[in-house]
Amino acid sequence: MKKIISALLALLIISSLAVTAFAADLPSKYSAADKGYVTPVKSQGLAGCCAAFSAVSCLESDYII
């Protein structure tokens, strides 16, 4: 039982160090809008088709990128 706990603790420490090392390379702020990857917000009015608008927005962003 002690070997299992020691192995899990070692795995936890290693994974936390890996996450910390990866996070050090990330910027403190990211905005797809600032980079021009998204289109402006569009009004759907009273149509109630937000799912269609969000799907088209994803396609537009993919095309831009």
PDB file of N, CA and C in Angstrom:
ATOM      1  N   MET A   1       0.822  -1.192   0.000  1.00  0.00           N
ATOM      2  CA  MET A   1       0.000   0.000   0.000  1.00  0.00           C
ATOM      3  C   MET A   1       0.869   1.260   0.000  1.00  0.00           C
ATOM      4  N   LYS A   2       1.983   1.220   0.766  1.00  0.00           N
ATOM      5  CA  LYS A   2       2.870   2.372   0.818  1.00  0.00           C
ATOM      6  C   LYS A   2       3.521   2.637  -0.533  1.00  0.00           C
ATOM      7  N   LYS A   3       3.814   1.569  -1.289  1.00  0.00           N
ATOM      8  CA  LYS A   3       4.426   1.734  -2.605  1.00  0.00           C
ATOM      9  C   LYS A   3       3.450   2.415  -3.558  1.00  0.00           C
ATOM     10  N   ILE A   4       2.191   2.062  -3.478  1.00  0.00           N
ATOM     11  CA  ILE A   4       1.176   2.658  -4.350  1.00  0.00           C
ATOM     12  C   ILE A   4       1.019   4.147  -4.032  1.00  0.00           C
ATOM     13  N   ILE A   5       0.963   4.467  -2.747  1.00  0.00           N
ATOM     14  CA  ILE A   5       0.823   5.866  -2.340  1.00  0.00           C
ATOM     15  C   ILE A   5       2.052   6.661  -2.762  1.00  0.00           C
ATOM     16  N   SER A   6       3.236   6.072  -2.597  1.00  0.00           N
ATOM     17  CA  SER A   6       4.468   6.758  -3.006  1.00  0.00           C
ATOM     18  C   SER A   6       4.489   6.986  -4.511  1.00  0.00           C
ATOM     19  N   ALA A   7       4.063   5.987  -5.278  1.00  0.00           N
ATOM     20  CA  ALA A   7       4.032   6.111  -6.736  1.00  0.00           C
ATOM     21  C   ALA A   7       3.031   7.181  -7.171  1.00  0.00           C
ATOM     22  N   LEU A   8       1.856   7.213  -6.546  1.00  0.00           N
ATOM     23  CA  LEU A   8       0.859   8.228  -6.885  1.00  0.00           C
ATOM     24  C   LEU A   8       1.338   9.623  -6.516  1.00  0.00           C
ATOM     25  N   LEU A   9       2.000   9.741  -5.380  1.00  0.00           N
ATOM     26  CA  LEU A   9       2.537  11.033  -4.967  1.00  0.00           C
ATOM     27  C   LEU A   9       3.624  11.501  -5.943  1.00  0.00           C
ATOM     28  N   ALA A  10       4.496  10.595  -6.355  1.00  0.00           N
ATOM     29  CA  ALA A  10       5.537  10.940  -7.322  1.00  0.00           C
ATOM     30  C   ALA A  10       4.920  11.361  -8.649  1.00  0.00           C
ATOM     31  N   LEU A  11       3.893  10.664  -9.087  1.00  0.00           N
ATOM     32  CA  LEU A  11       3.208  11.009 -10.332  1.00  0.00           C
ATOM     33  C   LEU A  11       2.562  12.386 -10.232  1.00  0.00           C
ATOM     34  N   LEU A  12       1.972  12.674  -9.101  1.00  0.00           N
ATOM     35  CA  LEU A  12       1.350  13.978  -8.878  1.00  0.00           C
ATOM     36  C   LEU A  12       2.386  15.093  -8.926  1.00  0.00           C
ATOM     37  N   ILE A  13       3.521  14.886  -8.304  1.00  0.00           N
ATOM     38  CA  ILE A  13       4.581  15.897  -8.293  1.00  0.00           C
ATOM     39  C   ILE A  13       5.128  16.113  -9.698  1.00  0.00           C
ATOM     40  N   ILE A  14       5.369  15.046 -10.419  1.00  0.00           N
ATOM     41  CA  ILE A  14       5.900  15.155 -11.781  1.00  0.00           C
ATOM     42  C   ILE A  14       4.917  15.871 -12.691  1.00  0.00           C
ATOM     43  N   SER A  15       3.634  15.527 -12.586  1.00  0.00           N
ATOM     44  CA  SER A  15       2.649  16.168 -13.451  1.00  0.00           C
ATOM     45  C   SER A  15       2.483  17.640 -13.108  1.00  0.00           C
ATOM     46  N   SER A  16       2.576  17.996 -11.832  1.00  0.00           N
ATOM     47  CA  SER A  16       2.454  19.411 -11.460  1.00  0.00           C
ATOM     48  C   SER A  16       3.658  20.201 -11.956  1.00  0.00           C
ATOM     49  N   LEU A  17       4.840  19.606 -11.942  1.00  0.00           N
ATOM     50  CA  LEU A  17       6.019  20.280 -12.476  1.00  0.00           C
ATOM     51  C   LEU A  17       5.904  20.463 -13.987  1.00  0.00           C
ATOM     52  N   ALA A  18       5.346  19.476 -14.680  1.00  0.00           N
ATOM     53  CA  ALA A  18       5.175  19.583 -16.122  1.00  0.00           C
ATOM     54  C   ALA A  18       4.177  20.681 -16.465  1.00  0.00           C
ATOM     55  N   VAL A  19       3.102  20.773 -15.723  1.00  0.00           N
ATOM     56  CA  VAL A  19       2.110  21.815 -15.965  1.00  0.00           C
ATOM     57  C   VAL A  19       2.705  23.186 -15.695  1.00  0.00           C
ATOM     58  N   THR A  20       3.486  23.312 -14.652  1.00  0.00           N
ATOM     59  CA  THR A  20       4.120  24.587 -14.322  1.00  0.00           C
ATOM     60  C   THR A  20       5.092  24.999 -15.420  1.00  0.00           C
ATOM     61  N   ALA A  21       5.857  24.063 -15.942  1.00  0.00           N
ATOM     62  CA  ALA A  21       6.801  24.371 -17.007  1.00  0.00           C
ATOM     63  C   ALA A  21       6.064  24.782 -18.275  1.00  0.00           C
ATOM     64  N   PHE A  22       4.947  24.132 -18.572  1.00  0.00           N
ATOM     65  CA  PHE A  22       4.167  24.478 -19.752  1.00  0.00           C
ATOM     66  C   PHE A  22       3.524  25.847 -19.588  1.00  0.00           C
ATOM     67  N   ALA A  23       3.015  26.149 -18.416  1.00  0.00           N
ATOM     68  CA  ALA A  23       2.339  27.416 -18.171  1.00  0.00           C
ATOM     69  C   ALA A  23       3.309  28.586 -18.242  1.00  0.00           C
ATOM     70  N   ALA A  24       4.569  28.367 -17.996  1.00  0.00           N
ATOM     71  CA  ALA A  24       5.548  29.444 -18.043  1.00  0.00           C
ATOM     72  C   ALA A  24       5.704  29.989 -19.453  1.00  0.00           C
ATOM     73  N   ASP A  25       5.404  29.186 -20.472  1.00  0.00           N
ATOM     74  CA  ASP A  25       5.534  29.610 -21.861  1.00  0.00           C
ATOM     75  C   ASP A  25       4.298  30.343 -22.373  1.00  0.00           C
ATOM     76  N   LEU A  26       3.218  30.353 -21.612  1.00  0.00           N
ATOM     77  CA  LEU A  26       1.985  30.965 -22.070  1.00  0.00           C
ATOM     78  C   LEU A  26       1.972  32.459 -21.774  1.00  0.00           C
ATOM     79  N   PRO A  27       1.347  33.241 -22.673  1.00  0.00           N
ATOM     80  CA  PRO A  27       1.221  34.676 -22.377  1.00  0.00           C
ATOM     81  C   PRO A  27       0.241  34.908 -21.241  1.00  0.00           C
ATOM     82  N   SER A  28       0.336  36.057 -20.601  1.00  0.00           N
ATOM     83  CA  SER A  28      -0.574  36.345 -19.493  1.00  0.00           C
ATOM     84  C   SER A  28      -1.968  36.697 -19.987  1.00  0.00           C
ATOM     85  N   LYS A  29      -2.088  37.120 -21.254  1.00  0.00           N
ATOM     86  CA  LYS A  29      -3.389  37.496 -21.814  1.00  0.00           C
ATOM     87  C   LYS A  29      -3.445  37.070 -23.282  1.00  0.00           C
ATOM     88  N   TYR A  30      -4.599  36.571 -23.708  1.00  0.00           N
ATOM     89  CA  TYR A  30      -4.810  36.201 -25.107  1.00  0.00           C
ATOM     90  C   TYR A  30      -6.210  36.621 -25.512  1.00  0.00           C
ATOM     91  N   SER A  31      -6.336  37.255 -26.649  1.00  0.00           N
ATOM     92  CA  SER A  31      -7.638  37.644 -27.166  1.00  0.00           C
ATOM     93  C   SER A  31      -7.669  37.385 -28.664  1.00  0.00           C
ATOM     94  N   ALA A  32      -8.553  36.495 -29.082  1.00  0.00           N
ATOM     95  CA  ALA A  32      -8.701  36.202 -30.509  1.00  0.00           C
ATOM     96  C   ALA A  32      -9.223  37.426 -31.249  1.00  0.00           C
ATOM     97  N   ALA A  33     -10.014  38.256 -30.581  1.00  0.00           N
ATOM     98  CA  ALA A  33     -10.533  39.475 -31.211  1.00  0.00           C
ATOM     99  C   ALA A  33      -9.401  40.458 -31.493  1.00  0.00           C
ATOM    100  N   ASP A  34      -8.452  40.579 -30.578  1.00  0.00           N
ATOM    101  CA  ASP A  34      -7.314  41.481 -30.789  1.00  0.00           C
ATOM    102  C   ASP A  34      -6.463  41.031 -31.965  1.00  0.00           C
ATOM    103  N   LYS A  35      -6.400  39.748 -32.198  1.00  0.00           N
ATOM    104  CA  LYS A  35      -5.611  39.211 -33.307  1.00  0.00           C
ATOM    105  C   LYS A  35      -6.381  39.220 -34.631  1.00  0.00           C
ATOM    106  N   GLY A  36      -7.665  39.558 -34.579  1.00  0.00           N
ATOM    107  CA  GLY A  36      -8.466  39.610 -35.797  1.00  0.00           C
ATOM    108  C   GLY A  36      -9.005  38.266 -36.241  1.00  0.00           C
ATOM    109  N   TYR A  37      -9.063  37.297 -35.329  1.00  0.00           N
ATOM    110  CA  TYR A  37      -9.517  35.952 -35.670  1.00  0.00           C
ATOM    111  C   TYR A  37     -11.033  35.783 -35.624  1.00  0.00           C
ATOM    112  N   VAL A  38     -11.741  36.758 -35.097  1.00  0.00           N
ATOM    113  CA  VAL A  38     -13.197  36.655 -35.003  1.00  0.00           C
ATOM    114  C   VAL A  38     -13.840  37.838 -35.710  1.00  0.00           C
ATOM    115  N   THR A  39     -15.056  37.627 -36.174  1.00  0.00           N
ATOM    116  CA  THR A  39     -15.797  38.688 -36.855  1.00  0.00           C
ATOM    117  C   THR A  39     -16.630  39.458 -35.835  1.00  0.00           C
ATOM    118  N   PRO A  40     -17.109  40.634 -36.206  1.00  0.00           N
ATOM    119  CA  PRO A  40     -17.922  41.402 -35.261  1.00  0.00           C
ATOM    120  C   PRO A  40     -19.216  40.676 -34.881  1.00  0.00           C
ATOM    121  N   VAL A  41     -19.787  41.063 -33.758  1.00  0.00           N
ATOM    122  CA  VAL A  41     -21.040  40.481 -33.280  1.00  0.00           C
ATOM    123  C   VAL A  41     -22.160  40.897 -34.219  1.00  0.00           C
ATOM    124  N   LYS A  42     -23.038  39.953 -34.527  1.00  0.00           N
ATOM    125  CA  LYS A  42     -24.166  40.222 -35.402  1.00  0.00           C
ATOM    126  C   LYS A  42     -25.461  40.072 -34.615  1.00  0.00           C
ATOM    127  N   SER A  43     -26.449  40.867 -34.942  1.00  0.00           N
ATOM    128  CA  SER A  43     -27.729  40.797 -34.258  1.00  0.00           C
ATOM    129  C   SER A  43     -28.633  39.786 -34.951  1.00  0.00           C
ATOM    130  N   GLN A  44     -29.156  38.843 -34.178  1.00  0.00           N
ATOM    131  CA  GLN A  44     -30.098  37.887 -34.741  1.00  0.00           C
ATOM    132  C   GLN A  44     -31.534  38.383 -34.624  1.00  0.00           C
ATOM    133  N   GLY A  45     -31.693  39.549 -34.013  1.00  0.00           N
ATOM    134  CA  GLY A  45     -33.028  40.122 -33.863  1.00  0.00           C
ATOM    135  C   GLY A  45     -33.920  39.219 -33.034  1.00  0.00           C
ATOM    136  N   LEU A  46     -35.116  39.008 -33.492  1.00  0.00           N
ATOM    137  CA  LEU A  46     -36.074  38.149 -32.792  1.00  0.00           C
ATOM    138  C   LEU A  46     -36.141  36.749 -33.405  1.00  0.00           C
ATOM    139  N   ALA A  47     -35.175  36.409 -34.245  1.00  0.00           N
ATOM    140  CA  ALA A  47     -35.218  35.137 -34.968  1.00  0.00           C
ATOM    141  C   ALA A  47     -35.068  33.935 -34.038  1.00  0.00           C
ATOM    142  N   GLY A  48     -34.285  34.054 -32.994  1.00  0.00           N
ATOM    143  CA  GLY A  48     -34.093  32.940 -32.068  1.00  0.00           C
ATOM    144  C   GLY A  48     -33.276  31.806 -32.652  1.00  0.00           C
ATOM    145  N   CYS A  49     -32.328  32.152 -33.500  1.00  0.00           N
ATOM    146  CA  CYS A  49     -31.504  31.109 -34.136  1.00  0.00           C
ATOM    147  C   CYS A  49     -30.049  31.240 -33.695  1.00  0.00           C
ATOM    148  N   CYS A  50     -29.832  31.339 -32.398  1.00  0.00           N
ATOM    149  CA  CYS A  50     -28.486  31.549 -31.880  1.00  0.00           C
ATOM    150  C   CYS A  50     -27.552  30.391 -32.230  1.00  0.00           C
ATOM    151  N   ALA A  51     -28.077  29.182 -32.331  1.00  0.00           N
ATOM    152  CA  ALA A  51     -27.228  28.037 -32.678  1.00  0.00           C
ATOM    153  C   ALA A  51     -26.669  28.198 -34.081  1.00  0.00           C
ATOM    154  N   ALA A  52     -27.491  28.665 -35.004  1.00  0.00           N
ATOM    155  CA  ALA A  52     -27.026  28.886 -36.378  1.00  0.00           C
ATOM    156  C   ALA A  52     -25.988  30.001 -36.420  1.00  0.00           C
ATOM    157  N   PHE A  53     -26.219  31.081 -35.682  1.00  0.00           N
ATOM    158  CA  PHE A  53     -25.259  32.182 -35.651  1.00  0.00           C
ATOM    159  C   PHE A  53     -23.925  31.725 -35.068  1.00  0.00           C
ATOM    160  N   SER A  54     -23.958  30.930 -34.012  1.00  0.00           N
ATOM    161  CA  SER A  54     -22.702  30.479 -33.415  1.00  0.00           C
ATOM    162  C   SER A  54     -21.968  29.513 -34.336  1.00  0.00           C
ATOM    163  N   ALA A  55     -22.702  28.658 -35.043  1.00  0.00           N
ATOM    164  CA  ALA A  55     -22.065  27.726 -35.983  1.00  0.00           C
ATOM    165  C   ALA A  55     -21.395  28.480 -37.121  1.00  0.00           C
ATOM    166  N   VAL A  56     -22.088  29.469 -37.667  1.00  0.00           N
ATOM    167  CA  VAL A  56     -21.518  30.264 -38.757  1.00  0.00           C
ATOM    168  C   VAL A  56     -20.315  31.063 -38.257  1.00  0.00           C
ATOM    169  N   SER A  57     -20.384  31.565 -37.038  1.00  0.00           N
ATOM    170  CA  SER A  57     -19.261  32.299 -36.472  1.00  0.00           C
ATOM    171  C   SER A  57     -18.023  31.410 -36.351  1.00  0.00           C
ATOM    172  N   CYS A  58     -18.211  30.168 -35.950  1.00  0.00           N
ATOM    173  CA  CYS A  58     -17.081  29.220 -35.873  1.00  0.00           C
ATOM    174  C   CYS A  58     -16.479  28.982 -37.247  1.00  0.00           C
ATOM    175  N   LEU A  59     -17.339  28.818 -38.250  1.00  0.00           N
ATOM    176  CA  LEU A  59     -16.847  28.610 -39.615  1.00  0.00           C
ATOM    177  C   LEU A  59     -16.089  29.837 -40.113  1.00  0.00           C
ATOM    178  N   GLU A  60     -16.610  31.024 -39.828  1.00  0.00           N
ATOM    179  CA  GLU A  60     -15.933  32.255 -40.236  1.00  0.00           C
ATOM    180  C   GLU A  60     -14.558  32.368 -39.597  1.00  0.00           C
ATOM    181  N   SER A  61     -14.481  32.076 -38.303  1.00  0.00           N
ATOM    182  CA  SER A  61     -13.192  32.156 -37.602  1.00  0.00           C
ATOM    183  C   SER A  61     -12.201  31.152 -38.148  1.00  0.00           C
ATOM    184  N   ASP A  62     -12.669  29.937 -38.431  1.00  0.00           N
ATOM    185  CA  ASP A  62     -11.781  28.934 -39.022  1.00  0.00           C
ATOM    186  C   ASP A  62     -11.259  29.384 -40.373  1.00  0.00           C
ATOM    187  N   TYR A  63     -12.112  29.999 -41.170  1.00  0.00           N
ATOM    188  CA  TYR A  63     -11.710  30.476 -42.489  1.00  0.00           C
ATOM    189  C   TYR A  63     -10.685  31.595 -42.357  1.00  0.00           C
ATOM    190  N   ILE A  64     -10.892  32.512 -41.407  1.00  0.00           N
ATOM    191  CA  ILE A  64      -9.973  33.626 -41.202  1.00  0.00           C
ATOM    192  C   ILE A  64      -8.604  33.126 -40.763  1.00  0.00           C
ATOM    193  N   ILE A  65      -8.608  32.180 -39.839  1.00  0.00           N
ATOM    194  CA  ILE A  65      -7.338  31.663 -39.306  1.00  0.00           C
ATOM    195  C   ILE A  65      -6.610  30.882 -40.385  1.00  0.00           C
TER     196      ILE A  65
END
